[in-house]
Amino acid sequence: MRLVLTANSAFNPVNFRAGLVRALVADGHRLIALVPRDAHRPALEAMGCRVVDLQMDSKGLSLLRDAGLLLRMRRALRREQPDAVLGFTIKNNIYGAHAAWILAIPFLPNVAALSTAFLNGGWLTYVAERLY
């Protein structure tokens, strides 16, 4: 299978999902990591992922920037044509799921912990709950 992994940094799969990445590669899956460029990219490539840069503001709250993120994710998924997408962080889960849904690609979110969006209450919590 051709799988896309997406997170808000290459750090995330390298440090928290290395076992999964190695197991998927060992099972013969082709992995594409859709992540922002950072210092952990070479380690992710060494584990067997082809890395595709994803421009994103991982901590920002701009709906306009996030709309751009949705479009970039949709464009990348259309280009890569994966059999499924695995998401690992809040923005990548929310916008990746929407992009995958538009393209009829199965999406598997991994929610390991709640982000600060769920801790503070108010409008951000309301929006994040609805999007999830």
Protein backbone atom coordinates (compact mmCIF):
# COMPACT_ATOMS: atom_id res chain seq x y z
CA MET A 1 0.00 0.00 0.00
CA ARG A 2 0.99 3.58 -0.60
CA LEU A 3 0.47 5.46 2.69
CA VAL A 4 0.80 9.12 3.60
CA LEU A 5 1.77 9.97 7.18
CA THR A 6 1.12 13.57 8.17
CA ALA A 7 2.11 15.51 11.29
CA ASN A 8 3.02 19.06 12.24
CA SER A 9 6.75 18.21 12.19
CA ALA A 10 9.13 15.45 11.11
CA PHE A 11 10.10 15.33 14.79
CA ASN A 12 6.77 13.70 15.63
CA PRO A 13 7.04 10.49 13.59
CA VAL A 14 10.78 10.20 14.21
CA ASN A 15 10.41 10.41 17.99
CA PHE A 16 6.92 9.02 18.65
CA ARG A 17 6.06 6.76 15.69
CA ALA A 18 9.42 5.22 14.70
CA GLY A 19 8.23 1.70 15.53
CA LEU A 20 5.14 2.11 13.37
CA VAL A 21 7.12 3.61 10.49
CA ARG A 22 9.67 0.79 10.57
CA ALA A 23 6.96 -1.89 10.79
CA LEU A 24 5.05 -0.44 7.83
CA VAL A 25 8.22 -0.25 5.74
CA ALA A 26 9.17 -3.80 6.74
CA ASP A 27 5.70 -4.97 5.62
CA GLY A 28 6.39 -3.51 2.18
CA HIS A 29 4.29 -0.36 2.35
CA ARG A 30 5.51 2.75 0.54
CA LEU A 31 5.47 5.65 2.99
CA ILE A 32 5.26 9.33 2.17
CA ALA A 33 5.64 11.74 5.07
CA LEU A 34 3.73 14.98 4.51
CA VAL A 35 5.39 17.23 7.09
CA PRO A 36 6.96 20.69 7.40
CA ARG A 37 10.68 20.86 6.73
CA ASP A 38 12.75 20.57 9.92
CA ALA A 39 16.00 19.10 11.22
CA HIS A 40 14.48 15.62 11.60
CA ARG A 41 13.81 15.13 7.90
CA PRO A 42 17.02 13.07 7.30
CA ALA A 43 16.10 10.68 10.13
CA LEU A 44 12.63 10.20 8.68
CA GLU A 45 14.12 9.50 5.25
CA ALA A 46 16.59 7.05 6.80
CA MET A 47 13.63 5.11 8.24
CA GLY A 48 12.29 4.62 4.72
CA CYS A 49 9.91 7.54 4.16
CA ARG A 50 9.91 9.79 1.15
CA VAL A 51 9.36 13.24 2.62
CA VAL A 52 7.11 15.83 0.99
CA ASP A 53 7.34 19.33 2.44
CA LEU A 54 4.13 20.77 3.85
CA GLN A 55 4.07 24.47 4.56
CA MET A 56 2.01 25.07 7.68
CA ASP A 57 1.74 27.24 10.77
CA SER A 58 1.47 24.47 13.35
CA LYS A 59 0.55 26.72 16.28
CA GLY A 60 -1.24 29.62 14.58
CA LEU A 61 -4.96 30.32 14.79
CA SER A 62 -5.52 32.03 11.44
CA LEU A 63 -8.47 30.54 9.59
CA LEU A 64 -7.12 32.01 6.36
CA ARG A 65 -3.76 30.25 6.81
CA ASP A 66 -5.56 27.05 7.76
CA ALA A 67 -7.72 27.27 4.63
CA GLY A 68 -4.45 27.44 2.70
CA LEU A 69 -3.23 24.38 4.61
CA LEU A 70 -6.35 22.46 3.59
CA LEU A 71 -5.73 23.36 -0.05
CA ARG A 72 -2.04 22.38 0.14
CA MET A 73 -2.92 19.06 1.78
CA ARG A 74 -5.56 18.33 -0.84
CA ARG A 75 -3.11 19.17 -3.62
CA ALA A 76 -0.43 16.91 -2.10
CA LEU A 77 -2.85 14.02 -1.61
CA ARG A 78 -4.16 14.34 -5.15
CA ARG A 79 -0.57 14.28 -6.45
CA GLU A 80 0.56 11.34 -4.27
CA GLN A 81 -2.64 9.26 -4.66
CA PRO A 82 -2.23 7.23 -1.45
CA ASP A 83 -4.36 4.26 -0.52
CA ALA A 84 -4.81 5.78 2.95
CA VAL A 85 -3.65 8.70 5.10
CA LEU A 86 -2.52 8.46 8.73
CA GLY A 87 -2.71 11.71 10.73
CA PHE A 88 -0.86 12.35 13.97
CA THR A 89 -1.43 15.92 15.22
CA ILE A 90 -4.52 18.11 15.58
CA LYS A 91 -4.22 20.31 12.48
CA ASN A 92 -3.04 17.44 10.34
CA ASN A 93 -5.93 15.30 11.61
CA ILE A 94 -8.55 17.98 11.01
CA TYR A 95 -7.39 19.36 7.67
CA GLY A 96 -5.95 16.06 6.45
CA ALA A 97 -9.25 14.32 7.14
CA HIS A 98 -11.16 16.98 5.22
CA ALA A 99 -8.70 16.87 2.29
CA ALA A 100 -8.83 13.06 2.21
CA TRP A 101 -12.63 13.07 2.41
CA ILE A 102 -12.84 15.42 -0.59
CA LEU A 103 -10.68 12.96 -2.55
CA ALA A 104 -12.40 9.81 -1.19
CA ILE A 105 -9.19 8.56 0.46
CA PRO A 106 -9.50 6.65 3.76
CA PHE A 107 -8.15 8.68 6.70
CA LEU A 108 -6.92 7.17 9.96
CA PRO A 109 -6.52 9.80 12.71
CA ASN A 110 -4.33 9.10 15.70
CA VAL A 111 -5.29 11.17 18.73
CA ALA A 112 -2.65 10.51 21.36
CA ALA A 113 -3.41 13.52 23.55
CA LEU A 114 -5.62 16.55 23.54
CA SER A 115 -4.04 19.72 22.31
CA THR A 116 -4.16 22.99 24.21
CA ALA A 117 -7.12 23.88 22.01
CA PHE A 118 -9.22 21.61 24.24
CA LEU A 119 -7.83 22.81 27.55
CA ASN A 120 -8.60 26.51 27.53
CA GLY A 121 -12.31 26.52 26.73
CA GLY A 122 -13.87 29.35 24.79
CA TRP A 123 -14.25 29.76 21.06
CA LEU A 124 -11.13 27.76 20.14
CA THR A 125 -12.36 24.71 22.02
CA TYR A 126 -15.79 25.08 20.41
CA VAL A 127 -14.31 25.24 16.89
CA ALA A 128 -11.82 22.39 17.49
CA GLU A 129 -14.55 20.12 18.86
CA ARG A 130 -16.78 20.78 15.84
CA LEU A 131 -13.94 20.20 13.37
CA TYR A 132 -12.90 16.97 15.04
